[in-house]
Every structure is written in C-alpha cells, then in structure tokens.
Amino acid sequence: MPELRQERSIGELFGQLTQDMTLLFRQEIQLARTEMSDKVSHVTTNLVSVLAGGFVAYLGGLALVACVILALRDLANISLAVSALIVGAILAVIGWVMLQRGLKEMKRVDLSPRRTVETLKDDVQWAKEQRS
C-alpha cells in the first residue's frame, strides 16, 4: 500500500513557525522574569544583611557605650572623653567590618539574566535553521 504523505502549504508552515516563535518568545519572557526574580531576591537578602550589620553595630554601640566608658574610666583611671574615644573607635571598626562583608556579598550577585541570553541565542539559531 502506498504511503500517504500530507504536504503542508507554505502558508501553513509559516503559520506554524509563527505560532512556535510566539510560544518560544513567551517562554523566554517567563524565564527572564523568573531569573530576575531570583536575582532580586538574592540582592534583597544581601541588602538586609548589610542593613542588619549596620543596625547591630549601632545598637551595640548604644548599649555598651555608657557601661564600657564608665568602666574604662574607673579601671584605667582616665578621663571620660578618652574612654568614649576608645569605645567609639572599637565600635566603629566592628560596624565597618560588618558593612564590608555585606557589600562584598552584594558585589558577587550577577544581575544579568545569563540563562535567558543563552536560550535566546539558541532560539535565534533555531529560527534561522527553520527559515532555511
């Protein structure tokens, strides 16, 4: 029995290609949204870390300043101003270290949607092959 072969017209093939490209485009947009959402979430987490570090350094300074300044003044028999200077310098260094760690982590985040760019390149190549 001879094999029946359905031949599609150029219009049908073009229509199918258009539908495929539309679907592919929508999927790429969804991938980009998902990828960027993940990256924004990561940046947000790091930003919270930076802010928390600064806030903790500030609270630590407030909670300890009065006590440590007075204790240092009594133990070292130095003036209140010198005690405040020593404690303030120590708290500033601790806060700076915490902020630097958070900023370092933020710099590690790559905001470009690399997977989307790669799949778009593949899609362009696929579309070129479909036209040939």
C-alpha atoms as a PDB file:
ATOM      1  CA  MET A   1       0.000   0.000   0.000  1.00  0.00           C
ATOM      2  CA  PRO A   2       1.485   3.369  -0.930  1.00  0.00           C
ATOM      3  CA  GLU A   3       2.402   5.669   1.911  1.00  0.00           C
ATOM      4  CA  LEU A   4       0.129   8.678   2.277  1.00  0.00           C
ATOM      5  CA  ARG A   5       2.076  11.823   2.776  1.00  0.00           C
ATOM      6  CA  GLN A   6       0.464  15.036   3.851  1.00  0.00           C
ATOM      7  CA  GLU A   7       2.162  18.038   2.427  1.00  0.00           C
ATOM      8  CA  ARG A   8       1.603  21.324   4.111  1.00  0.00           C
ATOM      9  CA  SER A   9       1.422  24.555   2.251  1.00  0.00           C
ATOM     10  CA  ILE A  10       3.959  27.301   2.745  1.00  0.00           C
ATOM     11  CA  GLY A  11       1.259  29.357   4.431  1.00  0.00           C
ATOM     12  CA  GLU A  12       0.574  26.567   6.915  1.00  0.00           C
ATOM     13  CA  LEU A  13       4.280  26.103   7.586  1.00  0.00           C
ATOM     14  CA  PHE A  14       4.725  29.841   8.080  1.00  0.00           C
ATOM     15  CA  GLY A  15       1.699  29.909  10.376  1.00  0.00           C
ATOM     16  CA  GLN A  16       3.123  27.062  12.442  1.00  0.00           C
ATOM     17  CA  LEU A  17       6.511  28.782  12.596  1.00  0.00           C
ATOM     18  CA  THR A  18       4.823  31.984  13.760  1.00  0.00           C
ATOM     19  CA  GLN A  19       2.956  30.090  16.493  1.00  0.00           C
ATOM     20  CA  ASP A  20       6.152  28.329  17.569  1.00  0.00           C
ATOM     21  CA  MET A  21       8.066  31.602  17.692  1.00  0.00           C
ATOM     22  CA  THR A  22       5.283  33.246  19.716  1.00  0.00           C
ATOM     23  CA  LEU A  23       5.287  30.378  22.209  1.00  0.00           C
ATOM     24  CA  LEU A  24       9.062  30.453  22.387  1.00  0.00           C
ATOM     25  CA  PHE A  25       9.053  34.212  22.951  1.00  0.00           C
ATOM     26  CA  ARG A  26       6.520  33.872  25.781  1.00  0.00           C
ATOM     27  CA  GLN A  27       8.597  31.143  27.389  1.00  0.00           C
ATOM     28  CA  GLU A  28      11.721  33.293  27.155  1.00  0.00           C
ATOM     29  CA  ILE A  29       9.901  36.200  28.800  1.00  0.00           C
ATOM     30  CA  GLN A  30       8.770  33.901  31.610  1.00  0.00           C
ATOM     31  CA  LEU A  31      12.320  32.587  32.039  1.00  0.00           C
ATOM     32  CA  ALA A  32      13.662  36.146  32.210  1.00  0.00           C
ATOM     33  CA  ARG A  33      11.049  37.073  34.820  1.00  0.00           C
ATOM     34  CA  THR A  34      11.879  34.030  36.920  1.00  0.00           C
ATOM     35  CA  GLU A  35      15.624  34.581  36.642  1.00  0.00           C
ATOM     36  CA  MET A  36      15.400  38.265  37.530  1.00  0.00           C
ATOM     37  CA  SER A  37      13.072  37.495  40.427  1.00  0.00           C
ATOM     38  CA  ASP A  38      15.662  35.078  41.820  1.00  0.00           C
ATOM     39  CA  LYS A  39      18.404  37.670  41.452  1.00  0.00           C
ATOM     40  CA  VAL A  40      16.333  40.426  43.076  1.00  0.00           C
ATOM     41  CA  SER A  41      15.575  38.078  45.964  1.00  0.00           C
ATOM     42  CA  HIS A  42      19.291  37.398  46.426  1.00  0.00           C
ATOM     43  CA  VAL A  43      20.138  41.121  46.341  1.00  0.00           C
ATOM     44  CA  THR A  44      17.365  41.813  48.837  1.00  0.00           C
ATOM     45  CA  THR A  45      18.755  39.181  51.212  1.00  0.00           C
ATOM     46  CA  ASN A  46      22.228  40.717  50.979  1.00  0.00           C
ATOM     47  CA  LEU A  47      20.857  44.209  51.456  1.00  0.00           C
ATOM     48  CA  VAL A  48      19.046  43.082  54.598  1.00  0.00           C
ATOM     49  CA  SER A  49      22.354  41.634  55.817  1.00  0.00           C
ATOM     50  CA  VAL A  50      24.127  44.945  55.215  1.00  0.00           C
ATOM     51  CA  LEU A  51      21.407  46.908  56.973  1.00  0.00           C
ATOM     52  CA  ALA A  52      21.255  44.447  59.858  1.00  0.00           C
ATOM     53  CA  GLY A  53      25.019  44.691  60.279  1.00  0.00           C
ATOM     54  CA  GLY A  54      24.845  48.447  60.475  1.00  0.00           C
ATOM     55  CA  PHE A  55      21.900  48.356  62.844  1.00  0.00           C
ATOM     56  CA  VAL A  56      23.536  45.781  65.128  1.00  0.00           C
ATOM     57  CA  ALA A  57      26.692  47.869  65.236  1.00  0.00           C
ATOM     58  CA  TYR A  58      24.608  50.892  66.165  1.00  0.00           C
ATOM     59  CA  LEU A  59      22.642  49.060  68.863  1.00  0.00           C
ATOM     60  CA  GLY A  60      25.801  47.559  70.252  1.00  0.00           C
ATOM     61  CA  GLY A  61      27.285  50.987  70.470  1.00  0.00           C
ATOM     62  CA  LEU A  62      24.268  52.374  72.256  1.00  0.00           C
ATOM     63  CA  ALA A  63      24.027  49.502  74.717  1.00  0.00           C
ATOM     64  CA  LEU A  64      27.687  49.342  75.576  1.00  0.00           C
ATOM     65  CA  VAL A  65      28.881  52.897  75.311  1.00  0.00           C
ATOM     66  CA  ALA A  66      27.681  54.104  78.670  1.00  0.00           C
ATOM     67  CA  CYS A  67      28.720  50.992  80.560  1.00  0.00           C
ATOM     68  CA  VAL A  68      32.109  50.497  78.906  1.00  0.00           C
ATOM     69  CA  ILE A  69      33.045  54.161  79.000  1.00  0.00           C
ATOM     70  CA  LEU A  70      32.353  54.350  82.689  1.00  0.00           C
ATOM     71  CA  ALA A  71      34.076  51.047  83.420  1.00  0.00           C
ATOM     72  CA  LEU A  72      37.131  52.023  81.371  1.00  0.00           C
ATOM     73  CA  ARG A  73      37.316  55.364  83.137  1.00  0.00           C
ATOM     74  CA  ASP A  74      37.249  53.650  86.523  1.00  0.00           C
ATOM     75  CA  LEU A  75      39.632  50.795  85.627  1.00  0.00           C
ATOM     76  CA  ALA A  76      42.246  52.830  83.746  1.00  0.00           C
ATOM     77  CA  ASN A  77      41.770  55.998  85.720  1.00  0.00           C
ATOM     78  CA  ILE A  78      41.455  58.055  82.513  1.00  0.00           C
ATOM     79  CA  SER A  79      39.149  60.854  81.572  1.00  0.00           C
ATOM     80  CA  LEU A  80      35.623  60.261  80.363  1.00  0.00           C
ATOM     81  CA  ALA A  81      36.470  61.756  76.941  1.00  0.00           C
ATOM     82  CA  VAL A  82      39.377  59.368  76.373  1.00  0.00           C
ATOM     83  CA  SER A  83      37.212  56.420  77.447  1.00  0.00           C
ATOM     84  CA  ALA A  84      34.499  57.490  74.985  1.00  0.00           C
ATOM     85  CA  LEU A  85      37.072  57.823  72.207  1.00  0.00           C
ATOM     86  CA  ILE A  86      38.436  54.302  72.745  1.00  0.00           C
ATOM     87  CA  VAL A  87      34.991  52.680  72.883  1.00  0.00           C
ATOM     88  CA  GLY A  88      33.741  54.651  69.884  1.00  0.00           C
ATOM     89  CA  ALA A  89      36.742  53.584  67.783  1.00  0.00           C
ATOM     90  CA  ILE A  90      36.233  49.911  68.621  1.00  0.00           C
ATOM     91  CA  LEU A  91      32.518  50.038  67.737  1.00  0.00           C
ATOM     92  CA  ALA A  92      33.244  51.882  64.507  1.00  0.00           C
ATOM     93  CA  VAL A  93      35.706  49.178  63.431  1.00  0.00           C
ATOM     94  CA  ILE A  94      33.248  46.377  64.204  1.00  0.00           C
ATOM     95  CA  GLY A  95      30.463  48.117  62.271  1.00  0.00           C
ATOM     96  CA  TRP A  96      32.777  48.796  59.311  1.00  0.00           C
ATOM     97  CA  VAL A  97      33.796  45.118  59.121  1.00  0.00           C
ATOM     98  CA  MET A  98      30.153  44.017  59.137  1.00  0.00           C
ATOM     99  CA  LEU A  99      29.227  46.504  56.404  1.00  0.00           C
ATOM    100  CA  GLN A 100      32.187  45.450  54.253  1.00  0.00           C
ATOM    101  CA  ARG A 101      31.145  41.799  54.435  1.00  0.00           C
ATOM    102  CA  GLY A 102      27.625  42.616  53.321  1.00  0.00           C
ATOM    103  CA  LEU A 103      28.835  44.818  50.464  1.00  0.00           C
ATOM    104  CA  LYS A 104      31.257  42.109  49.342  1.00  0.00           C
ATOM    105  CA  GLU A 105      28.390  39.615  49.128  1.00  0.00           C
ATOM    106  CA  MET A 106      26.272  42.100  47.165  1.00  0.00           C
ATOM    107  CA  LYS A 107      29.050  42.515  44.583  1.00  0.00           C
ATOM    108  CA  ARG A 108      29.022  38.756  43.947  1.00  0.00           C
ATOM    109  CA  VAL A 109      25.478  38.847  42.606  1.00  0.00           C
ATOM    110  CA  ASP A 110      25.303  38.857  38.811  1.00  0.00           C
ATOM    111  CA  LEU A 111      22.146  40.686  37.761  1.00  0.00           C
ATOM    112  CA  SER A 112      22.270  39.774  34.082  1.00  0.00           C
ATOM    113  CA  PRO A 113      19.828  37.030  33.006  1.00  0.00           C
ATOM    114  CA  ARG A 114      22.519  34.734  31.585  1.00  0.00           C
ATOM    115  CA  ARG A 115      20.293  31.693  31.037  1.00  0.00           C
ATOM    116  CA  THR A 116      17.798  33.799  29.134  1.00  0.00           C
ATOM    117  CA  VAL A 117      20.517  35.287  26.924  1.00  0.00           C
ATOM    118  CA  GLU A 118      21.869  31.813  26.144  1.00  0.00           C
ATOM    119  CA  THR A 119      18.453  30.398  25.298  1.00  0.00           C
ATOM    120  CA  LEU A 120      17.682  33.448  23.159  1.00  0.00           C
ATOM    121  CA  LYS A 121      20.851  32.766  21.181  1.00  0.00           C
ATOM    122  CA  ASP A 122      19.697  29.172  20.743  1.00  0.00           C
ATOM    123  CA  ASP A 123      16.270  30.398  19.661  1.00  0.00           C
ATOM    124  CA  VAL A 124      17.741  32.721  17.053  1.00  0.00           C
ATOM    125  CA  GLN A 125      19.836  29.873  15.699  1.00  0.00           C
ATOM    126  CA  TRP A 126      16.771  27.601  15.628  1.00  0.00           C
ATOM    127  CA  ALA A 127      14.724  30.257  13.787  1.00  0.00           C
ATOM    128  CA  LYS A 128      17.489  30.680  11.217  1.00  0.00           C
ATOM    129  CA  GLU A 129      17.545  26.943  10.642  1.00  0.00           C
ATOM    130  CA  GLN A 130      13.750  26.875  10.230  1.00  0.00           C
ATOM    131  CA  ARG A 131      13.907  29.520   7.501  1.00  0.00           C
ATOM    132  CA  SER A 132      16.475  27.557   5.500  1.00  0.00           C
END
